[in-house]
Amino acid sequence: MGWHGVTMKNHTFSVQLSSVDDTAQWAARFGAVLRPGDVILMTGDIGAGKSFLARSIIQSHQSTPEDVPSPTFTLVQTYDTDLGEIWHADLYRLSGPDDVIELGLYDAFDTAICLIEWPDRLQDLTPQTALNIAFSVGQAEDARTLTITAPNQDWRVRLEQVCSQ
């Protein structure tokens, strides 16, 4: 598998992904440990792979994979999966937390798996148990580094399960 470069230090995991196929495989494996109430905060530059990772998680857990567009213009897309309902949100165009409440996203934090791009717009609404994934582009064209910060022991155990080979 292409995520052979996993390192763990305290609450932070660094995952080196060498291709889009490796990223999709890692996303499916990561998705398997998600459960309703999980909030994943994804940060990184435009084109860093946030939407690709979300798309791969969603499609790998649909009985019939469907088109999963980036929610850049719709702001939020919801999907029924074998993991439960997944909300994929792109908050780039929002001005602040009031817009998040209006979308219903804040309520979904308790009942759905929420994959959130541009989470800085959440401000004080950011759940303390949210997992942070920071994306950076690697040296090769499709290579990515994910820096994952686990907020608690539950996330650390799940991430060790995902990242172990």
Protein backbone atom coordinates (compact mmCIF):
# COMPACT_ATOMS: atom_id res chain seq x y z
CA MET A 1 0.00 0.00 0.00
CA GLY A 2 1.14 3.54 -0.63
CA TRP A 3 0.88 4.83 2.92
CA HIS A 4 4.04 3.13 4.10
CA GLY A 5 5.39 6.40 5.45
CA VAL A 6 3.19 6.55 8.55
CA THR A 7 4.73 8.16 11.60
CA MET A 8 3.10 8.76 14.96
CA LYS A 9 4.16 11.27 17.57
CA ASN A 10 1.99 12.00 20.58
CA HIS A 11 -1.41 12.91 19.15
CA THR A 12 -0.26 13.44 15.56
CA PHE A 13 -0.09 10.96 12.71
CA SER A 14 1.67 11.74 9.45
CA VAL A 15 0.58 9.68 6.44
CA GLN A 16 2.48 9.77 3.14
CA LEU A 17 0.26 8.87 0.15
CA SER A 18 2.03 8.39 -3.17
CA SER A 19 -0.87 8.33 -5.67
CA VAL A 20 -4.61 8.87 -6.10
CA ASP A 21 -5.11 5.09 -5.88
CA ASP A 22 -3.27 4.98 -2.56
CA THR A 23 -5.32 7.91 -1.32
CA ALA A 24 -8.57 6.18 -2.32
CA GLN A 25 -7.49 2.95 -0.59
CA TRP A 26 -6.49 4.80 2.57
CA ALA A 27 -9.80 6.71 2.51
CA ALA A 28 -11.81 3.47 2.35
CA ARG A 29 -9.83 2.07 5.26
CA PHE A 30 -10.25 5.30 7.24
CA GLY A 31 -13.96 5.42 6.43
CA ALA A 32 -14.42 1.97 7.92
CA VAL A 33 -13.63 3.29 11.42
CA LEU A 34 -15.98 6.29 11.19
CA ARG A 35 -19.31 6.36 12.98
CA PRO A 36 -22.23 8.76 13.40
CA GLY A 37 -21.21 11.79 15.43
CA ASP A 38 -17.68 11.93 13.98
CA VAL A 39 -16.58 15.31 12.64
CA ILE A 40 -13.56 15.45 10.33
CA LEU A 41 -12.03 18.89 9.74
CA MET A 42 -10.01 19.07 6.51
CA THR A 43 -7.58 21.93 5.90
CA GLY A 44 -5.20 22.66 3.06
CA ASP A 45 -4.79 24.77 -0.04
CA ILE A 46 -7.19 24.58 -2.97
CA GLY A 47 -6.32 21.44 -4.91
CA ALA A 48 -4.62 19.72 -1.96
CA GLY A 49 -7.02 16.77 -2.04
CA LYS A 50 -9.71 17.52 0.54
CA SER A 51 -12.64 16.86 -1.81
CA PHE A 52 -10.92 13.81 -3.30
CA LEU A 53 -10.49 12.24 0.13
CA ALA A 54 -14.12 12.98 1.07
CA ARG A 55 -15.35 11.61 -2.26
CA SER A 56 -13.30 8.43 -1.79
CA ILE A 57 -14.63 7.89 1.74
CA ILE A 58 -18.23 8.37 0.61
CA GLN A 59 -18.03 6.25 -2.53
CA SER A 60 -16.25 3.38 -0.80
CA HIS A 61 -19.18 3.05 1.60
CA GLN A 62 -22.10 3.34 -0.81
CA SER A 63 -23.85 0.17 -1.97
CA THR A 64 -23.89 1.68 -5.47
CA PRO A 65 -21.22 4.37 -5.80
CA GLU A 66 -22.71 7.58 -7.18
CA ASP A 67 -21.28 10.84 -8.40
CA VAL A 68 -19.93 12.85 -5.47
CA PRO A 69 -19.35 16.43 -6.59
CA SER A 70 -17.49 18.98 -4.55
CA PRO A 71 -19.99 20.98 -2.47
CA THR A 72 -18.27 24.26 -3.35
CA PHE A 73 -21.49 25.80 -4.69
CA THR A 74 -24.13 23.72 -2.88
CA LEU A 75 -22.23 24.13 0.43
CA VAL A 76 -23.48 20.78 1.78
CA GLN A 77 -24.19 17.42 0.17
CA THR A 78 -25.61 14.46 2.11
CA TYR A 79 -25.21 10.78 1.31
CA ASP A 80 -26.66 7.54 2.65
CA THR A 81 -23.92 4.97 3.18
CA ASP A 82 -23.36 1.71 5.03
CA LEU A 83 -21.74 3.86 7.75
CA GLY A 84 -24.88 5.99 8.14
CA GLU A 85 -25.53 9.45 6.79
CA ILE A 86 -22.46 11.43 5.67
CA TRP A 87 -22.53 15.21 5.28
CA HIS A 88 -19.83 16.69 3.06
CA ALA A 89 -19.54 20.45 3.57
CA ASP A 90 -17.40 23.12 1.92
CA LEU A 91 -17.58 26.20 4.11
CA TYR A 92 -15.26 28.37 1.99
CA ARG A 93 -18.03 30.76 0.93
CA LEU A 94 -19.55 31.14 4.40
CA SER A 95 -18.94 34.22 6.47
CA GLY A 96 -19.17 32.62 9.90
CA PRO A 97 -20.89 30.29 12.36
CA ASP A 98 -24.40 31.72 11.89
CA ASP A 99 -24.34 30.40 8.33
CA VAL A 100 -23.33 26.95 9.65
CA ILE A 101 -26.37 26.87 11.94
CA GLU A 102 -28.64 27.97 9.10
CA LEU A 103 -27.40 25.06 6.94
CA GLY A 104 -28.31 22.57 9.69
CA LEU A 105 -24.72 21.36 9.84
CA TYR A 106 -24.33 22.05 13.55
CA ASP A 107 -27.26 19.72 14.33
CA ALA A 108 -25.75 17.04 12.06
CA PHE A 109 -22.63 16.90 14.26
CA ASP A 110 -24.58 14.67 16.68
CA THR A 111 -26.18 12.28 14.20
CA ALA A 112 -24.08 12.07 11.02
CA ILE A 113 -20.49 11.70 9.93
CA CYS A 114 -19.44 15.21 8.87
CA LEU A 115 -16.55 15.83 6.48
CA ILE A 116 -15.83 19.55 6.55
CA GLU A 117 -13.60 21.57 4.23
CA TRP A 118 -12.54 25.07 5.33
CA PRO A 119 -13.48 24.42 8.99
CA ASP A 120 -12.13 27.79 10.17
CA ARG A 121 -15.62 29.15 9.38
CA LEU A 122 -17.00 27.10 12.29
CA GLN A 123 -15.19 29.26 14.84
CA ASP A 124 -16.73 28.54 18.29
CA LEU A 125 -18.97 25.79 16.85
CA THR A 126 -15.99 23.49 16.25
CA PRO A 127 -16.57 20.28 18.24
CA GLN A 128 -13.81 19.51 20.74
CA THR A 129 -13.78 15.88 19.59
CA ALA A 130 -13.30 16.73 15.90
CA LEU A 131 -10.41 15.08 14.08
CA ASN A 132 -8.13 17.44 12.14
CA ILE A 133 -6.57 16.43 8.83
CA ALA A 134 -4.16 18.91 7.24
CA PHE A 135 -3.31 18.27 3.58
CA SER A 136 -0.09 19.17 1.84
CA VAL A 137 1.03 18.41 -1.68
CA GLY A 138 4.00 16.07 -2.02
CA GLN A 139 6.92 16.17 -4.42
CA ALA A 140 5.31 13.84 -6.98
CA GLU A 141 2.22 15.08 -8.83
CA ASP A 142 -0.36 12.99 -6.95
CA ALA A 143 1.55 12.56 -3.68
CA ARG A 144 -0.01 13.95 -0.54
CA THR A 145 0.94 14.17 3.10
CA LEU A 146 -1.84 14.04 5.65
CA THR A 147 -1.05 15.38 9.10
CA ILE A 148 -3.77 14.06 11.38
CA THR A 149 -4.27 15.39 14.88
CA ALA A 150 -6.25 13.15 17.21
CA PRO A 151 -8.10 15.05 19.95
CA ASN A 152 -8.52 12.06 22.27
CA GLN A 153 -7.64 8.42 22.98
CA ASP A 154 -10.61 7.09 20.99
CA TRP A 155 -9.32 8.72 17.80
CA ARG A 156 -5.74 7.57 18.50
CA VAL A 157 -6.88 3.95 18.78
CA ARG A 158 -8.90 4.17 15.58
CA LEU A 159 -6.06 5.86 13.68
CA GLU A 160 -3.58 3.22 14.82
CA GLN A 161 -5.98 0.62 13.42
CA VAL A 162 -6.21 2.47 10.08
CA CYS A 163 -2.50 3.18 9.73
CA SER A 164 -1.12 -0.18 10.82
CA GLN A 165 -0.06 -2.54 8.07
